[in-house]
Amino acid sequence: VPAQLQVDLGRLFDEYRQSLLYNA
């Protein structure tokens, strides 16, 4: 992923992971 999008995508991945863990 282009460098400028890596931070945003990483944040989205973390949010998604957290939402799944919330409903673990």
mmCIF file of all heavy atoms, coordinates in Angstrom:
data_MODEL
# 
_entry.id   MODEL 
# 
loop_
_atom_site.group_PDB 
_atom_site.id 
_atom_site.type_symbol 
_atom_site.label_atom_id 
_atom_site.label_alt_id 
_atom_site.label_comp_id 
_atom_site.label_asym_id 
_atom_site.label_entity_id 
_atom_site.label_seq_id 
_atom_site.pdbx_PDB_ins_code 
_atom_site.Cartn_x 
_atom_site.Cartn_y 
_atom_site.Cartn_z 
_atom_site.occupancy 
_atom_site.B_iso_or_equiv 
_atom_site.pdbx_formal_charge 
_atom_site.auth_seq_id 
_atom_site.auth_comp_id 
_atom_site.auth_asym_id 
_atom_site.auth_atom_id 
_atom_site.pdbx_PDB_model_num 
ATOM 1   N N   . VAL A 1 1  ? 0.851   -1.189  0.000  1.00 0.00 ? 1  VAL A N   1 
ATOM 2   C CA  . VAL A 1 1  ? 0.000   0.000   0.000  1.00 0.00 ? 1  VAL A CA  1 
ATOM 3   C C   . VAL A 1 1  ? 0.890   1.244   0.000  1.00 0.00 ? 1  VAL A C   1 
ATOM 4   O O   . VAL A 1 1  ? 1.911   1.279   0.698  1.00 0.00 ? 1  VAL A O   1 
ATOM 5   C CB  . VAL A 1 1  ? -0.908  -0.014  1.259  1.00 0.00 ? 1  VAL A CB  1 
ATOM 6   C CG1 . VAL A 1 1  ? -1.721  1.256   1.362  1.00 0.00 ? 1  VAL A CG1 1 
ATOM 7   C CG2 . VAL A 1 1  ? -1.805  -1.225  1.230  1.00 0.00 ? 1  VAL A CG2 1 
ATOM 8   N N   . PRO A 1 2  ? 0.525   2.276   -0.767 1.00 0.00 ? 2  PRO A N   1 
ATOM 9   C CA  . PRO A 1 2  ? 1.320   3.513   -0.747 1.00 0.00 ? 2  PRO A CA  1 
ATOM 10  C C   . PRO A 1 2  ? 1.484   4.035   0.680  1.00 0.00 ? 2  PRO A C   1 
ATOM 11  O O   . PRO A 1 2  ? 0.572   3.931   1.511  1.00 0.00 ? 2  PRO A O   1 
ATOM 12  C CB  . PRO A 1 2  ? 0.496   4.481   -1.596 1.00 0.00 ? 2  PRO A CB  1 
ATOM 13  C CG  . PRO A 1 2  ? -0.361  3.617   -2.455 1.00 0.00 ? 2  PRO A CG  1 
ATOM 14  C CD  . PRO A 1 2  ? -0.613  2.360   -1.667 1.00 0.00 ? 2  PRO A CD  1 
ATOM 15  N N   . ALA A 1 3  ? 2.652   4.615   0.945  1.00 0.00 ? 3  ALA A N   1 
ATOM 16  C CA  . ALA A 1 3  ? 3.015   5.046   2.300  1.00 0.00 ? 3  ALA A CA  1 
ATOM 17  C C   . ALA A 1 3  ? 1.959   5.947   2.937  1.00 0.00 ? 3  ALA A C   1 
ATOM 18  O O   . ALA A 1 3  ? 1.643   5.801   4.123  1.00 0.00 ? 3  ALA A O   1 
ATOM 19  C CB  . ALA A 1 3  ? 4.372   5.746   2.283  1.00 0.00 ? 3  ALA A CB  1 
ATOM 20  N N   . GLN A 1 4  ? 1.389   6.865   2.175  1.00 0.00 ? 4  GLN A N   1 
ATOM 21  C CA  . GLN A 1 4  ? 0.421   7.797   2.748  1.00 0.00 ? 4  GLN A CA  1 
ATOM 22  C C   . GLN A 1 4  ? -0.855  7.100   3.219  1.00 0.00 ? 4  GLN A C   1 
ATOM 23  O O   . GLN A 1 4  ? -1.555  7.602   4.090  1.00 0.00 ? 4  GLN A O   1 
ATOM 24  C CB  . GLN A 1 4  ? 0.095   8.945   1.775  1.00 0.00 ? 4  GLN A CB  1 
ATOM 25  C CG  . GLN A 1 4  ? -0.661  8.528   0.527  1.00 0.00 ? 4  GLN A CG  1 
ATOM 26  C CD  . GLN A 1 4  ? 0.225   8.169   -0.653 1.00 0.00 ? 4  GLN A CD  1 
ATOM 27  O OE1 . GLN A 1 4  ? 1.398   7.854   -0.486 1.00 0.00 ? 4  GLN A OE1 1 
ATOM 28  N NE2 . GLN A 1 4  ? -0.346  8.215   -1.850 1.00 0.00 ? 4  GLN A NE2 1 
ATOM 29  N N   . LEU A 1 5  ? -1.140  5.920   2.679  1.00 0.00 ? 5  LEU A N   1 
ATOM 30  C CA  . LEU A 1 5  ? -2.340  5.191   3.084  1.00 0.00 ? 5  LEU A CA  1 
ATOM 31  C C   . LEU A 1 5  ? -2.077  4.137   4.156  1.00 0.00 ? 5  LEU A C   1 
ATOM 32  O O   . LEU A 1 5  ? -3.017  3.648   4.784  1.00 0.00 ? 5  LEU A O   1 
ATOM 33  C CB  . LEU A 1 5  ? -2.977  4.506   1.864  1.00 0.00 ? 5  LEU A CB  1 
ATOM 34  C CG  . LEU A 1 5  ? -3.501  5.432   0.766  1.00 0.00 ? 5  LEU A CG  1 
ATOM 35  C CD1 . LEU A 1 5  ? -4.048  4.604   -0.382 1.00 0.00 ? 5  LEU A CD1 1 
ATOM 36  C CD2 . LEU A 1 5  ? -4.555  6.368   1.304  1.00 0.00 ? 5  LEU A CD2 1 
ATOM 37  N N   . GLN A 1 6  ? -0.820  3.776   4.361  1.00 0.00 ? 6  GLN A N   1 
ATOM 38  C CA  . GLN A 1 6  ? -0.495  2.725   5.320  1.00 0.00 ? 6  GLN A CA  1 
ATOM 39  C C   . GLN A 1 6  ? -0.977  3.049   6.729  1.00 0.00 ? 6  GLN A C   1 
ATOM 40  O O   . GLN A 1 6  ? -1.516  2.178   7.412  1.00 0.00 ? 6  GLN A O   1 
ATOM 41  C CB  . GLN A 1 6  ? 1.012   2.452   5.339  1.00 0.00 ? 6  GLN A CB  1 
ATOM 42  C CG  . GLN A 1 6  ? 1.476   1.673   4.133  1.00 0.00 ? 6  GLN A CG  1 
ATOM 43  C CD  . GLN A 1 6  ? 2.939   1.308   4.200  1.00 0.00 ? 6  GLN A CD  1 
ATOM 44  O OE1 . GLN A 1 6  ? 3.590   1.455   5.220  1.00 0.00 ? 6  GLN A OE1 1 
ATOM 45  N NE2 . GLN A 1 6  ? 3.465   0.822   3.091  1.00 0.00 ? 6  GLN A NE2 1 
ATOM 46  N N   . VAL A 1 7  ? -0.802  4.296   7.150  1.00 0.00 ? 7  VAL A N   1 
ATOM 47  C CA  . VAL A 1 7  ? -1.226  4.680   8.505  1.00 0.00 ? 7  VAL A CA  1 
ATOM 48  C C   . VAL A 1 7  ? -2.741  4.551   8.632  1.00 0.00 ? 7  VAL A C   1 
ATOM 49  O O   . VAL A 1 7  ? -3.243  3.970   9.595  1.00 0.00 ? 7  VAL A O   1 
ATOM 50  C CB  . VAL A 1 7  ? -0.753  6.108   8.848  1.00 0.00 ? 7  VAL A CB  1 
ATOM 51  C CG1 . VAL A 1 7  ? -1.362  6.592   10.160 1.00 0.00 ? 7  VAL A CG1 1 
ATOM 52  C CG2 . VAL A 1 7  ? 0.762   6.158   8.897  1.00 0.00 ? 7  VAL A CG2 1 
ATOM 53  N N   . ASP A 1 8  ? -3.473  5.072   7.639  1.00 0.00 ? 8  ASP A N   1 
ATOM 54  C CA  . ASP A 1 8  ? -4.939  4.989   7.681  1.00 0.00 ? 8  ASP A CA  1 
ATOM 55  C C   . ASP A 1 8  ? -5.422  3.540   7.630  1.00 0.00 ? 8  ASP A C   1 
ATOM 56  O O   . ASP A 1 8  ? -6.321  3.158   8.373  1.00 0.00 ? 8  ASP A O   1 
ATOM 57  C CB  . ASP A 1 8  ? -5.560  5.773   6.520  1.00 0.00 ? 8  ASP A CB  1 
ATOM 58  C CG  . ASP A 1 8  ? -5.370  7.269   6.666  1.00 0.00 ? 8  ASP A CG  1 
ATOM 59  O OD1 . ASP A 1 8  ? -5.161  7.746   7.806  1.00 0.00 ? 8  ASP A OD1 1 
ATOM 60  O OD2 . ASP A 1 8  ? -5.427  7.971   5.636  1.00 0.00 ? 8  ASP A OD2 1 
ATOM 61  N N   . LEU A 1 9  ? -4.816  2.759   6.764  1.00 0.00 ? 9  LEU A N   1 
ATOM 62  C CA  . LEU A 1 9  ? -5.221  1.367   6.646  1.00 0.00 ? 9  LEU A CA  1 
ATOM 63  C C   . LEU A 1 9  ? -4.877  0.609   7.934  1.00 0.00 ? 9  LEU A C   1 
ATOM 64  O O   . LEU A 1 9  ? -5.682  -0.190  8.416  1.00 0.00 ? 9  LEU A O   1 
ATOM 65  C CB  . LEU A 1 9  ? -4.547  0.716   5.443  1.00 0.00 ? 9  LEU A CB  1 
ATOM 66  C CG  . LEU A 1 9  ? -5.042  -0.668  5.052  1.00 0.00 ? 9  LEU A CG  1 
ATOM 67  C CD1 . LEU A 1 9  ? -6.542  -0.673  4.809  1.00 0.00 ? 9  LEU A CD1 1 
ATOM 68  C CD2 . LEU A 1 9  ? -4.319  -1.163  3.820  1.00 0.00 ? 9  LEU A CD2 1 
ATOM 69  N N   . GLY A 1 10 ? -3.722  0.876   8.498  1.00 0.00 ? 10 GLY A N   1 
ATOM 70  C CA  . GLY A 1 10 ? -3.349  0.254   9.765  1.00 0.00 ? 10 GLY A CA  1 
ATOM 71  C C   . GLY A 1 10 ? -4.341  0.597   10.861 1.00 0.00 ? 10 GLY A C   1 
ATOM 72  O O   . GLY A 1 10 ? -4.720  -0.266  11.665 1.00 0.00 ? 10 GLY A O   1 
ATOM 73  N N   . ARG A 1 11 ? -4.792  1.829   10.886 1.00 0.00 ? 11 ARG A N   1 
ATOM 74  C CA  . ARG A 1 11 ? -5.786  2.254   11.871 1.00 0.00 ? 11 ARG A CA  1 
ATOM 75  C C   . ARG A 1 11 ? -7.109  1.524   11.654 1.00 0.00 ? 11 ARG A C   1 
ATOM 76  O O   . ARG A 1 11 ? -7.752  1.073   12.611 1.00 0.00 ? 11 ARG A O   1 
ATOM 77  C CB  . ARG A 1 11 ? -5.989  3.768   11.788 1.00 0.00 ? 11 ARG A CB  1 
ATOM 78  C CG  . ARG A 1 11 ? -6.759  4.347   12.949 1.00 0.00 ? 11 ARG A CG  1 
ATOM 79  C CD  . ARG A 1 11 ? -6.843  5.876   12.928 1.00 0.00 ? 11 ARG A CD  1 
ATOM 80  N NE  . ARG A 1 11 ? -5.524  6.477   12.775 1.00 0.00 ? 11 ARG A NE  1 
ATOM 81  C CZ  . ARG A 1 11 ? -5.194  7.348   11.797 1.00 0.00 ? 11 ARG A CZ  1 
ATOM 82  N NH1 . ARG A 1 11 ? -6.088  7.723   10.912 1.00 0.00 ? 11 ARG A NH1 1 
ATOM 83  N NH2 . ARG A 1 11 ? -3.980  7.833   11.717 1.00 0.00 ? 11 ARG A NH2 1 
ATOM 84  N N   . LEU A 1 12 ? -7.515  1.401   10.400 1.00 0.00 ? 12 LEU A N   1 
ATOM 85  C CA  . LEU A 1 12 ? -8.756  0.669   10.087 1.00 0.00 ? 12 LEU A CA  1 
ATOM 86  C C   . LEU A 1 12 ? -8.645  -0.800  10.497 1.00 0.00 ? 12 LEU A C   1 
ATOM 87  O O   . LEU A 1 12 ? -9.590  -1.369  11.042 1.00 0.00 ? 12 LEU A O   1 
ATOM 88  C CB  . LEU A 1 12 ? -9.074  0.768   8.598  1.00 0.00 ? 12 LEU A CB  1 
ATOM 89  C CG  . LEU A 1 12 ? -9.620  2.098   8.114  1.00 0.00 ? 12 LEU A CG  1 
ATOM 90  C CD1 . LEU A 1 12 ? -9.728  2.099   6.594  1.00 0.00 ? 12 LEU A CD1 1 
ATOM 91  C CD2 . LEU A 1 12 ? -10.968 2.384   8.741  1.00 0.00 ? 12 LEU A CD2 1 
ATOM 92  N N   . PHE A 1 13 ? -7.506  -1.411  10.228 1.00 0.00 ? 13 PHE A N   1 
ATOM 93  C CA  . PHE A 1 13 ? -7.299  -2.798  10.630 1.00 0.00 ? 13 PHE A CA  1 
ATOM 94  C C   . PHE A 1 13 ? -7.406  -2.934  12.140 1.00 0.00 ? 13 PHE A C   1 
ATOM 95  O O   . PHE A 1 13 ? -8.021  -3.869  12.653 1.00 0.00 ? 13 PHE A O   1 
ATOM 96  C CB  . PHE A 1 13 ? -5.947  -3.309  10.151 1.00 0.00 ? 13 PHE A CB  1 
ATOM 97  C CG  . PHE A 1 13 ? -5.883  -3.667  8.684  1.00 0.00 ? 13 PHE A CG  1 
ATOM 98  C CD1 . PHE A 1 13 ? -4.698  -4.092  8.128  1.00 0.00 ? 13 PHE A CD1 1 
ATOM 99  C CD2 . PHE A 1 13 ? -6.987  -3.572  7.852  1.00 0.00 ? 13 PHE A CD2 1 
ATOM 100 C CE1 . PHE A 1 13 ? -4.619  -4.434  6.777  1.00 0.00 ? 13 PHE A CE1 1 
ATOM 101 C CE2 . PHE A 1 13 ? -6.921  -3.897  6.512  1.00 0.00 ? 13 PHE A CE2 1 
ATOM 102 C CZ  . PHE A 1 13 ? -5.726  -4.333  5.974  1.00 0.00 ? 13 PHE A CZ  1 
ATOM 103 N N   . ASP A 1 14 ? -6.787  -1.996  12.861 1.00 0.00 ? 14 ASP A N   1 
ATOM 104 C CA  . ASP A 1 14 ? -6.856  -2.037  14.332 1.00 0.00 ? 14 ASP A CA  1 
ATOM 105 C C   . ASP A 1 14 ? -8.289  -1.880  14.820 1.00 0.00 ? 14 ASP A C   1 
ATOM 106 O O   . ASP A 1 14 ? -8.710  -2.573  15.747 1.00 0.00 ? 14 ASP A O   1 
ATOM 107 C CB  . ASP A 1 14 ? -5.973  -0.945  14.945 1.00 0.00 ? 14 ASP A CB  1 
ATOM 108 C CG  . ASP A 1 14 ? -4.499  -1.260  14.819 1.00 0.00 ? 14 ASP A CG  1 
ATOM 109 O OD1 . ASP A 1 14 ? -4.151  -2.439  14.601 1.00 0.00 ? 14 ASP A OD1 1 
ATOM 110 O OD2 . ASP A 1 14 ? -3.689  -0.309  14.934 1.00 0.00 ? 14 ASP A OD2 1 
ATOM 111 N N   . GLU A 1 15 ? -9.044  -0.972  14.201 1.00 0.00 ? 15 GLU A N   1 
ATOM 112 C CA  . GLU A 1 15 ? -10.445 -0.782  14.591 1.00 0.00 ? 15 GLU A CA  1 
ATOM 113 C C   . GLU A 1 15 ? -11.259 -2.048  14.320 1.00 0.00 ? 15 GLU A C   1 
ATOM 114 O O   . GLU A 1 15 ? -12.089 -2.434  15.140 1.00 0.00 ? 15 GLU A O   1 
ATOM 115 C CB  . GLU A 1 15 ? -11.056 0.404   13.836 1.00 0.00 ? 15 GLU A CB  1 
ATOM 116 C CG  . GLU A 1 15 ? -10.583 1.750   14.322 1.00 0.00 ? 15 GLU A CG  1 
ATOM 117 C CD  . GLU A 1 15 ? -11.162 2.899   13.509 1.00 0.00 ? 15 GLU A CD  1 
ATOM 118 O OE1 . GLU A 1 15 ? -12.265 2.735   12.930 1.00 0.00 ? 15 GLU A OE1 1 
ATOM 119 O OE2 . GLU A 1 15 ? -10.505 3.949   13.454 1.00 0.00 ? 15 GLU A OE2 1 
ATOM 120 N N   . TYR A 1 16 ? -11.010 -2.647  13.177 1.00 0.00 ? 16 TYR A N   1 
ATOM 121 C CA  . TYR A 1 16 ? -11.734 -3.868  12.841 1.00 0.00 ? 16 TYR A CA  1 
ATOM 122 C C   . TYR A 1 16 ? -11.401 -4.972  13.847 1.00 0.00 ? 16 TYR A C   1 
ATOM 123 O O   . TYR A 1 16 ? -12.291 -5.647  14.362 1.00 0.00 ? 16 TYR A O   1 
ATOM 124 C CB  . TYR A 1 16 ? -11.388 -4.310  11.415 1.00 0.00 ? 16 TYR A CB  1 
ATOM 125 C CG  . TYR A 1 16 ? -12.106 -5.563  10.988 1.00 0.00 ? 16 TYR A CG  1 
ATOM 126 C CD1 . TYR A 1 16 ? -13.502 -5.601  10.905 1.00 0.00 ? 16 TYR A CD1 1 
ATOM 127 C CD2 . TYR A 1 16 ? -11.401 -6.723  10.664 1.00 0.00 ? 16 TYR A CD2 1 
ATOM 128 C CE1 . TYR A 1 16 ? -14.170 -6.757  10.520 1.00 0.00 ? 16 TYR A CE1 1 
ATOM 129 C CE2 . TYR A 1 16 ? -12.060 -7.872  10.268 1.00 0.00 ? 16 TYR A CE2 1 
ATOM 130 C CZ  . TYR A 1 16 ? -13.438 -7.885  10.198 1.00 0.00 ? 16 TYR A CZ  1 
ATOM 131 O OH  . TYR A 1 16 ? -14.091 -9.029  9.819  1.00 0.00 ? 16 TYR A OH  1 
ATOM 132 N N   . ARG A 1 17 ? -10.121 -5.140  14.126 1.00 0.00 ? 17 ARG A N   1 
ATOM 133 C CA  . ARG A 1 17 ? -9.682  -6.145  15.099 1.00 0.00 ? 17 ARG A CA  1 
ATOM 134 C C   . ARG A 1 17 ? -10.337 -5.890  16.458 1.00 0.00 ? 17 ARG A C   1 
ATOM 135 O O   . ARG A 1 17 ? -10.832 -6.814  17.106 1.00 0.00 ? 17 ARG A O   1 
ATOM 136 C CB  . ARG A 1 17 ? -8.158  -6.125  15.219 1.00 0.00 ? 17 ARG A CB  1 
ATOM 137 C CG  . ARG A 1 17 ? -7.582  -7.253  16.030 1.00 0.00 ? 17 ARG A CG  1 
ATOM 138 C CD  . ARG A 1 17 ? -6.052  -7.208  16.100 1.00 0.00 ? 17 ARG A CD  1 
ATOM 139 N NE  . ARG A 1 17 ? -5.421  -7.354  14.782 1.00 0.00 ? 17 ARG A NE  1 
ATOM 140 C CZ  . ARG A 1 17 ? -4.828  -6.367  14.106 1.00 0.00 ? 17 ARG A CZ  1 
ATOM 141 N NH1 . ARG A 1 17 ? -4.740  -5.158  14.595 1.00 0.00 ? 17 ARG A NH1 1 
ATOM 142 N NH2 . ARG A 1 17 ? -4.291  -6.597  12.931 1.00 0.00 ? 17 ARG A NH2 1 
ATOM 143 N N   . GLN A 1 18 ? -10.371 -4.641  16.886 1.00 0.00 ? 18 GLN A N   1 
ATOM 144 C CA  . GLN A 1 18 ? -10.974 -4.297  18.176 1.00 0.00 ? 18 GLN A CA  1 
ATOM 145 C C   . GLN A 1 18 ? -12.471 -4.588  18.182 1.00 0.00 ? 18 GLN A C   1 
ATOM 146 O O   . GLN A 1 18 ? -13.010 -5.048  19.196 1.00 0.00 ? 18 GLN A O   1 
ATOM 147 C CB  . GLN A 1 18 ? -10.704 -2.829  18.532 1.00 0.00 ? 18 GLN A CB  1 
ATOM 148 C CG  . GLN A 1 18 ? -9.266  -2.530  18.890 1.00 0.00 ? 18 GLN A CG  1 
ATOM 149 C CD  . GLN A 1 18 ? -8.730  -3.443  19.974 1.00 0.00 ? 18 GLN A CD  1 
ATOM 150 O OE1 . GLN A 1 18 ? -9.366  -3.662  20.997 1.00 0.00 ? 18 GLN A OE1 1 
ATOM 151 N NE2 . GLN A 1 18 ? -7.560  -4.021  19.731 1.00 0.00 ? 18 GLN A NE2 1 
ATOM 152 N N   . SER A 1 19 ? -13.146 -4.318  17.069 1.00 0.00 ? 19 SER A N   1 
ATOM 153 C CA  . SER A 1 19 ? -14.586 -4.603  17.014 1.00 0.00 ? 19 SER A CA  1 
ATOM 154 C C   . SER A 1 19 ? -14.844 -6.098  17.125 1.00 0.00 ? 19 SER A C   1 
ATOM 155 O O   . SER A 1 19 ? -15.811 -6.532  17.756 1.00 0.00 ? 19 SER A O   1 
ATOM 156 C CB  . SER A 1 19 ? -15.212 -4.038  15.739 1.00 0.00 ? 19 SER A CB  1 
ATOM 157 O OG  . SER A 1 19 ? -14.844 -4.788  14.603 1.00 0.00 ? 19 SER A OG  1 
ATOM 158 N N   . LEU A 1 20 ? -13.974 -6.904  16.529 1.00 0.00 ? 20 LEU A N   1 
ATOM 159 C CA  . LEU A 1 20 ? -14.122 -8.349  16.638 1.00 0.00 ? 20 LEU A CA  1 
ATOM 160 C C   . LEU A 1 20 ? -13.829 -8.821  18.055 1.00 0.00 ? 20 LEU A C   1 
ATOM 161 O O   . LEU A 1 20 ? -14.523 -9.689  18.586 1.00 0.00 ? 20 LEU A O   1 
ATOM 162 C CB  . LEU A 1 20 ? -13.207 -9.055  15.637 1.00 0.00 ? 20 LEU A CB  1 
ATOM 163 C CG  . LEU A 1 20 ? -13.571 -8.852  14.165 1.00 0.00 ? 20 LEU A CG  1 
ATOM 164 C CD1 . LEU A 1 20 ? -12.483 -9.417  13.263 1.00 0.00 ? 20 LEU A CD1 1 
ATOM 165 C CD2 . LEU A 1 20 ? -14.919 -9.467  13.830 1.00 0.00 ? 20 LEU A CD2 1 
ATOM 166 N N   . LEU A 1 21 ? -12.822 -8.238  18.673 1.00 0.00 ? 21 LEU A N   1 
ATOM 167 C CA  . LEU A 1 21 ? -12.492 -8.601  20.053 1.00 0.00 ? 21 LEU A CA  1 
ATOM 168 C C   . LEU A 1 21 ? -13.585 -8.170  21.026 1.00 0.00 ? 21 LEU A C   1 
ATOM 169 O O   . LEU A 1 21 ? -13.831 -8.830  22.030 1.00 0.00 ? 21 LEU A O   1 
ATOM 170 C CB  . LEU A 1 21 ? -11.144 -7.998  20.453 1.00 0.00 ? 21 LEU A CB  1 
ATOM 171 C CG  . LEU A 1 21 ? -9.931  -8.640  19.781 1.00 0.00 ? 21 LEU A CG  1 
ATOM 172 C CD1 . LEU A 1 21 ? -8.678  -7.811  20.043 1.00 0.00 ? 21 LEU A CD1 1 
ATOM 173 C CD2 . LEU A 1 21 ? -9.757  -10.074 20.247 1.00 0.00 ? 21 LEU A CD2 1 
ATOM 174 N N   . TYR A 1 22 ? -14.244 -7.060  20.710 1.00 0.00 ? 22 TYR A N   1 
ATOM 175 C CA  . TYR A 1 22 ? -15.341 -6.582  21.555 1.00 0.00 ? 22 TYR A CA  1 
ATOM 176 C C   . TYR A 1 22 ? -16.458 -7.625  21.642 1.00 0.00 ? 22 TYR A C   1 
ATOM 177 O O   . TYR A 1 22 ? -17.097 -7.782  22.677 1.00 0.00 ? 22 TYR A O   1 
ATOM 178 C CB  . TYR A 1 22 ? -15.884 -5.254  21.010 1.00 0.00 ? 22 TYR A CB  1 
ATOM 179 C CG  . TYR A 1 22 ? -17.019 -4.687  21.819 1.00 0.00 ? 22 TYR A CG  1 
ATOM 180 C CD1 . TYR A 1 22 ? -16.776 -4.022  23.020 1.00 0.00 ? 22 TYR A CD1 1 
ATOM 181 C CD2 . TYR A 1 22 ? -18.336 -4.830  21.395 1.00 0.00 ? 22 TYR A CD2 1 
ATOM 182 C CE1 . TYR A 1 22 ? -17.813 -3.512  23.781 1.00 0.00 ? 22 TYR A CE1 1 
ATOM 183 C CE2 . TYR A 1 22 ? -19.383 -4.321  22.149 1.00 0.00 ? 22 TYR A CE2 1 
ATOM 184 C CZ  . TYR A 1 22 ? -19.109 -3.658  23.331 1.00 0.00 ? 22 TYR A CZ  1 
ATOM 185 O OH  . TYR A 1 22 ? -20.143 -3.155  24.089 1.00 0.00 ? 22 TYR A OH  1 
ATOM 186 N N   . ASN A 1 23 ? -16.649 -8.333  20.541 1.00 0.00 ? 23 ASN A N   1 
ATOM 187 C CA  . ASN A 1 23 ? -17.687 -9.372  20.481 1.00 0.00 ? 23 ASN A CA  1 
ATOM 188 C C   . ASN A 1 23 ? -17.087 -10.772 20.580 1.00 0.00 ? 23 ASN A C   1 
ATOM 189 O O   . ASN A 1 23 ? -17.631 -11.729 20.039 1.00 0.00 ? 23 ASN A O   1 
ATOM 190 C CB  . ASN A 1 23 ? -18.480 -9.239  19.177 1.00 0.00 ? 23 ASN A CB  1 
ATOM 191 C CG  . ASN A 1 23 ? -19.287 -7.972  19.144 1.00 0.00 ? 23 ASN A CG  1 
ATOM 192 O OD1 . ASN A 1 23 ? -20.015 -7.681  20.082 1.00 0.00 ? 23 ASN A OD1 1 
ATOM 193 N ND2 . ASN A 1 23 ? -19.136 -7.207  18.074 1.00 0.00 ? 23 ASN A ND2 1 
ATOM 194 N N   . ALA A 1 24 ? -15.976 -10.905 21.286 1.00 0.00 ? 24 ALA A N   1 
ATOM 195 C CA  . ALA A 1 24 ? -15.267 -12.177 21.368 1.00 0.00 ? 24 ALA A CA  1 
ATOM 196 C C   . ALA A 1 24 ? -16.013 -13.240 22.167 1.00 0.00 ? 24 ALA A C   1 
ATOM 197 O O   . ALA A 1 24 ? -15.529 -14.359 22.293 1.00 0.00 ? 24 ALA A O   1 
ATOM 198 C CB  . ALA A 1 24 ? -13.869 -11.963 21.951 1.00 0.00 ? 24 ALA A CB  1 
# 
